[in-house]
């Protein structure tokens, strides 16, 4: 997802990877990828499909909150 990569370029605290699910079926299975894009944040939050920036940022904040708990 482009936004994830933009965030990674803007902050040393963020990393982003993009993989082709058909080339790495074990990762597609591990993360239950049924559609693309499929964004995973801190192994806790999964976002399926292209979502607006505000939605992704909300999900990132959710992941950060669950990480602190």
PDB file of N, CA and C in Angstrom:
ATOM      1  N   UNK A   1       0.848  -1.167   0.000  1.00  0.00           N
ATOM      2  CA  UNK A   1       0.000   0.000   0.000  1.00  0.00           C
ATOM      3  C   UNK A   1       0.901   1.240   0.000  1.00  0.00           C
ATOM      4  N   UNK A   2       0.574   2.174  -0.816  1.00  0.00           N
ATOM      5  CA  UNK A   2       1.401   3.361  -0.991  1.00  0.00           C
ATOM      6  C   UNK A   2       1.494   4.163   0.304  1.00  0.00           C
ATOM      7  N   UNK A   3       0.392   4.314   1.020  1.00  0.00           N
ATOM      8  CA  UNK A   3       0.413   5.109   2.249  1.00  0.00           C
ATOM      9  C   UNK A   3       1.377   4.518   3.271  1.00  0.00           C
ATOM     10  N   UNK A   4       1.394   3.223   3.416  1.00  0.00           N
ATOM     11  CA  UNK A   4       2.305   2.585   4.372  1.00  0.00           C
ATOM     12  C   UNK A   4       3.754   2.900   4.014  1.00  0.00           C
ATOM     13  N   UNK A   5       4.064   2.878   2.750  1.00  0.00           N
ATOM     14  CA  UNK A   5       5.438   3.175   2.325  1.00  0.00           C
ATOM     15  C   UNK A   5       5.766   4.655   2.506  1.00  0.00           C
ATOM     16  N   UNK A   6       4.798   5.525   2.301  1.00  0.00           N
ATOM     17  CA  UNK A   6       5.019   6.952   2.559  1.00  0.00           C
ATOM     18  C   UNK A   6       5.297   7.190   4.039  1.00  0.00           C
ATOM     19  N   UNK A   7       4.560   6.505   4.890  1.00  0.00           N
ATOM     20  CA  UNK A   7       4.792   6.635   6.332  1.00  0.00           C
ATOM     21  C   UNK A   7       6.181   6.128   6.699  1.00  0.00           C
ATOM     22  N   UNK A   8       6.596   5.037   6.088  1.00  0.00           N
ATOM     23  CA  UNK A   8       7.920   4.478   6.374  1.00  0.00           C
ATOM     24  C   UNK A   8       9.030   5.426   5.918  1.00  0.00           C
ATOM     25  N   UNK A   9       8.815   6.116   4.813  1.00  0.00           N
ATOM     26  CA  UNK A   9       9.822   7.070   4.345  1.00  0.00           C
ATOM     27  C   UNK A   9       9.878   8.301   5.243  1.00  0.00           C
ATOM     28  N   UNK A  10       8.750   8.635   5.866  1.00  0.00           N
ATOM     29  CA  UNK A  10       8.682   9.837   6.690  1.00  0.00           C
ATOM     30  C   UNK A  10       9.190   9.617   8.110  1.00  0.00           C
ATOM     31  N   UNK A  11       9.217   8.375   8.574  1.00  0.00           N
ATOM     32  CA  UNK A  11       9.582   8.114   9.966  1.00  0.00           C
ATOM     33  C   UNK A  11      10.468   6.883  10.086  1.00  0.00           C
ATOM     34  N   UNK A  12      11.520   7.011  10.880  1.00  0.00           N
ATOM     35  CA  UNK A  12      12.389   5.869  11.162  1.00  0.00           C
ATOM     36  C   UNK A  12      11.698   4.850  12.070  1.00  0.00           C
ATOM     37  N   UNK A  13      10.567   5.202  12.651  1.00  0.00           N
ATOM     38  CA  UNK A  13       9.836   4.304  13.536  1.00  0.00           C
ATOM     39  C   UNK A  13       8.893   3.376  12.777  1.00  0.00           C
ATOM     40  N   UNK A  14       8.760   3.606  11.470  1.00  0.00           N
ATOM     41  CA  UNK A  14       7.821   2.830  10.659  1.00  0.00           C
ATOM     42  C   UNK A  14       8.583   2.069   9.583  1.00  0.00           C
ATOM     43  N   UNK A  15       8.234   0.799   9.412  1.00  0.00           N
ATOM     44  CA  UNK A  15       8.774   0.011   8.300  1.00  0.00           C
ATOM     45  C   UNK A  15       7.603  -0.531   7.491  1.00  0.00           C
ATOM     46  N   UNK A  16       7.835  -0.749   6.219  1.00  0.00           N
ATOM     47  CA  UNK A  16       6.788  -1.284   5.350  1.00  0.00           C
ATOM     48  C   UNK A  16       7.412  -2.252   4.361  1.00  0.00           C
ATOM     49  N   UNK A  17       6.726  -3.343   4.131  1.00  0.00           N
ATOM     50  CA  UNK A  17       7.138  -4.323   3.138  1.00  0.00           C
ATOM     51  C   UNK A  17       5.936  -4.622   2.258  1.00  0.00           C
ATOM     52  N   UNK A  18       6.206  -4.910   1.002  1.00  0.00           N
ATOM     53  CA  UNK A  18       5.150  -5.296   0.077  1.00  0.00           C
ATOM     54  C   UNK A  18       5.591  -6.589  -0.604  1.00  0.00           C
ATOM     55  N   UNK A  19       4.698  -7.574  -0.602  1.00  0.00           N
ATOM     56  CA  UNK A  19       5.017  -8.846  -1.248  1.00  0.00           C
ATOM     57  C   UNK A  19       3.896  -9.225  -2.200  1.00  0.00           C
ATOM     58  N   UNK A  20       4.246  -9.990  -3.205  1.00  0.00           N
ATOM     59  CA  UNK A  20       3.279 -10.517  -4.159  1.00  0.00           C
ATOM     60  C   UNK A  20       2.729 -11.816  -3.575  1.00  0.00           C
ATOM     61  N   UNK A  21       1.446 -11.821  -3.255  1.00  0.00           N
ATOM     62  CA  UNK A  21       0.864 -12.966  -2.552  1.00  0.00           C
ATOM     63  C   UNK A  21       0.944 -14.264  -3.358  1.00  0.00           C
ATOM     64  N   UNK A  22       0.911 -14.176  -4.670  1.00  0.00           N
ATOM     65  CA  UNK A  22       1.003 -15.409  -5.466  1.00  0.00           C
ATOM     66  C   UNK A  22       2.416 -15.976  -5.481  1.00  0.00           C
ATOM     67  N   UNK A  23       3.403 -15.129  -5.218  1.00  0.00           N
ATOM     68  CA  UNK A  23       4.783 -15.597  -5.175  1.00  0.00           C
ATOM     69  C   UNK A  23       5.180 -16.093  -3.786  1.00  0.00           C
ATOM     70  N   UNK A  24       4.432 -15.683  -2.766  1.00  0.00           N
ATOM     71  CA  UNK A  24       4.717 -16.088  -1.392  1.00  0.00           C
ATOM     72  C   UNK A  24       3.440 -16.630  -0.746  1.00  0.00           C
ATOM     73  N   UNK A  25       2.961 -17.775  -1.224  1.00  0.00           N
ATOM     74  CA  UNK A  25       1.688 -18.296  -0.709  1.00  0.00           C
ATOM     75  C   UNK A  25       1.722 -18.593   0.786  1.00  0.00           C
ATOM     76  N   UNK A  26       2.890 -18.909   1.335  1.00  0.00           N
ATOM     77  CA  UNK A  26       2.959 -19.171   2.781  1.00  0.00           C
ATOM     78  C   UNK A  26       2.644 -17.900   3.570  1.00  0.00           C
ATOM     79  N   UNK A  27       3.050 -16.744   3.065  1.00  0.00           N
ATOM     80  CA  UNK A  27       2.709 -15.487   3.741  1.00  0.00           C
ATOM     81  C   UNK A  27       1.236 -15.144   3.549  1.00  0.00           C
ATOM     82  N   UNK A  28       0.714 -15.396   2.358  1.00  0.00           N
ATOM     83  CA  UNK A  28      -0.709 -15.161   2.116  1.00  0.00           C
ATOM     84  C   UNK A  28      -1.551 -16.013   3.070  1.00  0.00           C
ATOM     85  N   UNK A  29      -1.122 -17.246   3.290  1.00  0.00           N
ATOM     86  CA  UNK A  29      -1.827 -18.107   4.233  1.00  0.00           C
ATOM     87  C   UNK A  29      -1.680 -17.652   5.669  1.00  0.00           C
ATOM     88  N   UNK A  30      -0.470 -17.276   6.044  1.00  0.00           N
ATOM     89  CA  UNK A  30      -0.205 -16.829   7.419  1.00  0.00           C
ATOM     90  C   UNK A  30      -1.070 -15.630   7.793  1.00  0.00           C
ATOM     91  N   UNK A  31      -1.231 -14.700   6.837  1.00  0.00           N
ATOM     92  CA  UNK A  31      -1.981 -13.474   7.119  1.00  0.00           C
ATOM     93  C   UNK A  31      -3.405 -13.509   6.578  1.00  0.00           C
ATOM     94  N   UNK A  32      -3.866 -14.680   6.151  1.00  0.00           N
ATOM     95  CA  UNK A  32      -5.237 -14.852   5.643  1.00  0.00           C
ATOM     96  C   UNK A  32      -5.587 -13.813   4.579  1.00  0.00           C
ATOM     97  N   UNK A  33      -4.740 -13.707   3.584  1.00  0.00           N
ATOM     98  CA  UNK A  33      -4.965 -12.738   2.512  1.00  0.00           C
ATOM     99  C   UNK A  33      -5.971 -13.319   1.534  1.00  0.00           C
ATOM    100  N   UNK A  34      -7.135 -12.645   1.434  1.00  0.00           N
ATOM    101  CA  UNK A  34      -8.175 -13.049   0.499  1.00  0.00           C
ATOM    102  C   UNK A  34      -8.392 -11.990  -0.569  1.00  0.00           C
ATOM    103  N   UNK A  35      -7.874 -10.803  -0.337  1.00  0.00           N
ATOM    104  CA  UNK A  35      -7.981  -9.708  -1.287  1.00  0.00           C
ATOM    105  C   UNK A  35      -6.799  -8.787  -1.108  1.00  0.00           C
ATOM    106  N   UNK A  36      -6.537  -8.013  -2.118  1.00  0.00           N
ATOM    107  CA  UNK A  36      -5.421  -7.080  -2.049  1.00  0.00           C
ATOM    108  C   UNK A  36      -5.919  -5.671  -2.352  1.00  0.00           C
ATOM    109  N   UNK A  37      -5.318  -4.667  -1.769  1.00  0.00           N
ATOM    110  CA  UNK A  37      -4.237  -4.784  -0.797  1.00  0.00           C
ATOM    111  C   UNK A  37      -4.733  -5.325   0.547  1.00  0.00           C
ATOM    112  N   UNK A  38      -3.823  -5.898   1.270  1.00  0.00           N
ATOM    113  CA  UNK A  38      -4.092  -6.414   2.616  1.00  0.00           C
ATOM    114  C   UNK A  38      -2.978  -5.865   3.503  1.00  0.00           C
ATOM    115  N   UNK A  39      -3.334  -4.968   4.384  1.00  0.00           N
ATOM    116  CA  UNK A  39      -2.350  -4.298   5.231  1.00  0.00           C
ATOM    117  C   UNK A  39      -2.399  -4.884   6.629  1.00  0.00           C
ATOM    118  N   UNK A  40      -1.233  -5.225   7.159  1.00  0.00           N
ATOM    119  CA  UNK A  40      -1.122  -5.763   8.517  1.00  0.00           C
ATOM    120  C   UNK A  40      -0.291  -4.773   9.330  1.00  0.00           C
ATOM    121  N   UNK A  41      -0.837  -4.371  10.476  1.00  0.00           N
ATOM    122  CA  UNK A  41      -0.156  -3.411  11.339  1.00  0.00           C
ATOM    123  C   UNK A  41       0.215  -4.099  12.638  1.00  0.00           C
ATOM    124  N   UNK A  42       1.508  -4.178  12.904  1.00  0.00           N
ATOM    125  CA  UNK A  42       2.023  -4.766  14.152  1.00  0.00           C
ATOM    126  C   UNK A  42       1.467  -6.149  14.453  1.00  0.00           C
ATOM    127  N   UNK A  43       1.200  -6.923  13.413  1.00  0.00           N
ATOM    128  CA  UNK A  43       0.709  -8.294  13.566  1.00  0.00           C
ATOM    129  C   UNK A  43      -0.635  -8.379  14.283  1.00  0.00           C
ATOM    130  N   UNK A  44      -1.286  -7.246  14.567  1.00  0.00           N
ATOM    131  CA  UNK A  44      -2.530  -7.283  15.333  1.00  0.00           C
ATOM    132  C   UNK A  44      -3.737  -6.792  14.556  1.00  0.00           C
ATOM    133  N   UNK A  45      -3.547  -5.843  13.671  1.00  0.00           N
ATOM    134  CA  UNK A  45      -4.659  -5.244  12.928  1.00  0.00           C
ATOM    135  C   UNK A  45      -4.482  -5.555  11.449  1.00  0.00           C
ATOM    136  N   UNK A  46      -5.553  -6.051  10.824  1.00  0.00           N
ATOM    137  CA  UNK A  46      -5.541  -6.364   9.401  1.00  0.00           C
ATOM    138  C   UNK A  46      -6.561  -5.481   8.701  1.00  0.00           C
ATOM    139  N   UNK A  47      -6.159  -4.853   7.602  1.00  0.00           N
ATOM    140  CA  UNK A  47      -7.049  -4.002   6.824  1.00  0.00           C
ATOM    141  C   UNK A  47      -7.103  -4.580   5.412  1.00  0.00           C
ATOM    142  N   UNK A  48      -8.277  -4.986   5.002  1.00  0.00           N
ATOM    143  CA  UNK A  48      -8.471  -5.613   3.687  1.00  0.00           C
ATOM    144  C   UNK A  48      -8.988  -4.575   2.697  1.00  0.00           C
ATOM    145  N   UNK A  49      -8.360  -4.503   1.552  1.00  0.00           N
ATOM    146  CA  UNK A  49      -8.807  -3.624   0.481  1.00  0.00           C
ATOM    147  C   UNK A  49      -8.221  -2.220   0.574  1.00  0.00           C
ATOM    148  N   UNK A  50      -8.492  -1.457  -0.467  1.00  0.00           N
ATOM    149  CA  UNK A  50      -8.036  -0.065  -0.510  1.00  0.00           C
ATOM    150  C   UNK A  50      -8.980   0.763   0.355  1.00  0.00           C
ATOM    151  N   UNK A  51      -8.443   1.382   1.373  1.00  0.00           N
ATOM    152  CA  UNK A  51      -9.258   2.174   2.290  1.00  0.00           C
ATOM    153  C   UNK A  51      -8.772   3.620   2.270  1.00  0.00           C
ATOM    154  N   UNK A  52      -9.638   4.548   2.633  1.00  0.00           N
ATOM    155  CA  UNK A  52      -9.212   5.949   2.712  1.00  0.00           C
ATOM    156  C   UNK A  52      -8.106   6.133   3.761  1.00  0.00           C
ATOM    157  N   UNK A  53      -7.312   7.152   3.567  1.00  0.00           N
ATOM    158  CA  UNK A  53      -6.193   7.432   4.475  1.00  0.00           C
ATOM    159  C   UNK A  53      -6.651   7.524   5.924  1.00  0.00           C
ATOM    160  N   UNK A  54      -7.761   8.192   6.167  1.00  0.00           N
ATOM    161  CA  UNK A  54      -8.258   8.347   7.541  1.00  0.00           C
ATOM    162  C   UNK A  54      -8.577   7.000   8.179  1.00  0.00           C
ATOM    163  N   UNK A  55      -9.100   6.076   7.399  1.00  0.00           N
ATOM    164  CA  UNK A  55      -9.420   4.745   7.913  1.00  0.00           C
ATOM    165  C   UNK A  55      -8.153   3.995   8.291  1.00  0.00           C
ATOM    166  N   UNK A  56      -7.156   4.048   7.416  1.00  0.00           N
ATOM    167  CA  UNK A  56      -5.901   3.362   7.719  1.00  0.00           C
ATOM    168  C   UNK A  56      -5.239   3.975   8.951  1.00  0.00           C
ATOM    169  N   UNK A  57      -5.242   5.287   9.053  1.00  0.00           N
ATOM    170  CA  UNK A  57      -4.637   5.932  10.219  1.00  0.00           C
ATOM    171  C   UNK A  57      -5.369   5.528  11.501  1.00  0.00           C
ATOM    172  N   UNK A  58      -6.673   5.399  11.434  1.00  0.00           N
ATOM    173  CA  UNK A  58      -7.451   4.957  12.597  1.00  0.00           C
ATOM    174  C   UNK A  58      -7.051   3.537  12.993  1.00  0.00           C
ATOM    175  N   UNK A  59      -6.851   2.676  12.016  1.00  0.00           N
ATOM    176  CA  UNK A  59      -6.448   1.300  12.295  1.00  0.00           C
ATOM    177  C   UNK A  59      -5.033   1.239  12.875  1.00  0.00           C
ATOM    178  N   UNK A  60      -4.161   2.108  12.390  1.00  0.00           N
ATOM    179  CA  UNK A  60      -2.807   2.187  12.944  1.00  0.00           C
ATOM    180  C   UNK A  60      -2.872   2.610  14.408  1.00  0.00           C
ATOM    181  N   UNK A  61      -3.693   3.594  14.705  1.00  0.00           N
ATOM    182  CA  UNK A  61      -3.850   4.042  16.096  1.00  0.00           C
ATOM    183  C   UNK A  61      -4.416   2.919  16.958  1.00  0.00           C
ATOM    184  N   UNK A  62      -5.330   2.134  16.420  1.00  0.00           N
ATOM    185  CA  UNK A  62      -5.865   0.982  17.142  1.00  0.00           C
ATOM    186  C   UNK A  62      -4.762  -0.009  17.456  1.00  0.00           C
ATOM    187  N   UNK A  63      -3.903  -0.270  16.472  1.00  0.00           N
ATOM    188  CA  UNK A  63      -2.788  -1.195  16.682  1.00  0.00           C
ATOM    189  C   UNK A  63      -1.833  -0.668  17.745  1.00  0.00           C
ATOM    190  N   UNK A  64      -1.577   0.615  17.737  1.00  0.00           N
ATOM    191  CA  UNK A  64      -0.689   1.192  18.747  1.00  0.00           C
ATOM    192  C   UNK A  64      -1.299   1.093  20.131  1.00  0.00           C
ATOM    193  N   UNK A  65      -2.613   1.274  20.220  1.00  0.00           N
ATOM    194  CA  UNK A  65      -3.301   1.154  21.502  1.00  0.00           C
ATOM    195  C   UNK A  65      -3.244  -0.260  22.038  1.00  0.00           C
ATOM    196  N   UNK A  66      -3.420  -1.242  21.163  1.00  0.00           N
ATOM    197  CA  UNK A  66      -3.397  -2.635  21.613  1.00  0.00           C
ATOM    198  C   UNK A  66      -1.985  -3.066  21.985  1.00  0.00           C
ATOM    199  N   UNK A  67      -0.985  -2.408  21.421  1.00  0.00           N
ATOM    200  CA  UNK A  67       0.397  -2.728  21.724  1.00  0.00           C
ATOM    201  C   UNK A  67       0.756  -2.270  23.132  1.00  0.00           C
ATOM    202  N   UNK A  68       0.166  -1.190  23.583  1.00  0.00           N
ATOM    203  CA  UNK A  68       0.459  -0.618  24.902  1.00  0.00           C
ATOM    204  C   UNK A  68      -0.235  -1.370  26.022  1.00  0.00           C
ATOM    205  N   UNK A  69      -1.304  -2.068  25.674  1.00  0.00           N
ATOM    206  CA  UNK A  69      -2.096  -2.750  26.720  1.00  0.00           C
ATOM    207  C   UNK A  69      -1.376  -3.962  27.262  1.00  0.00           C
TER     208      UNK A  69
END
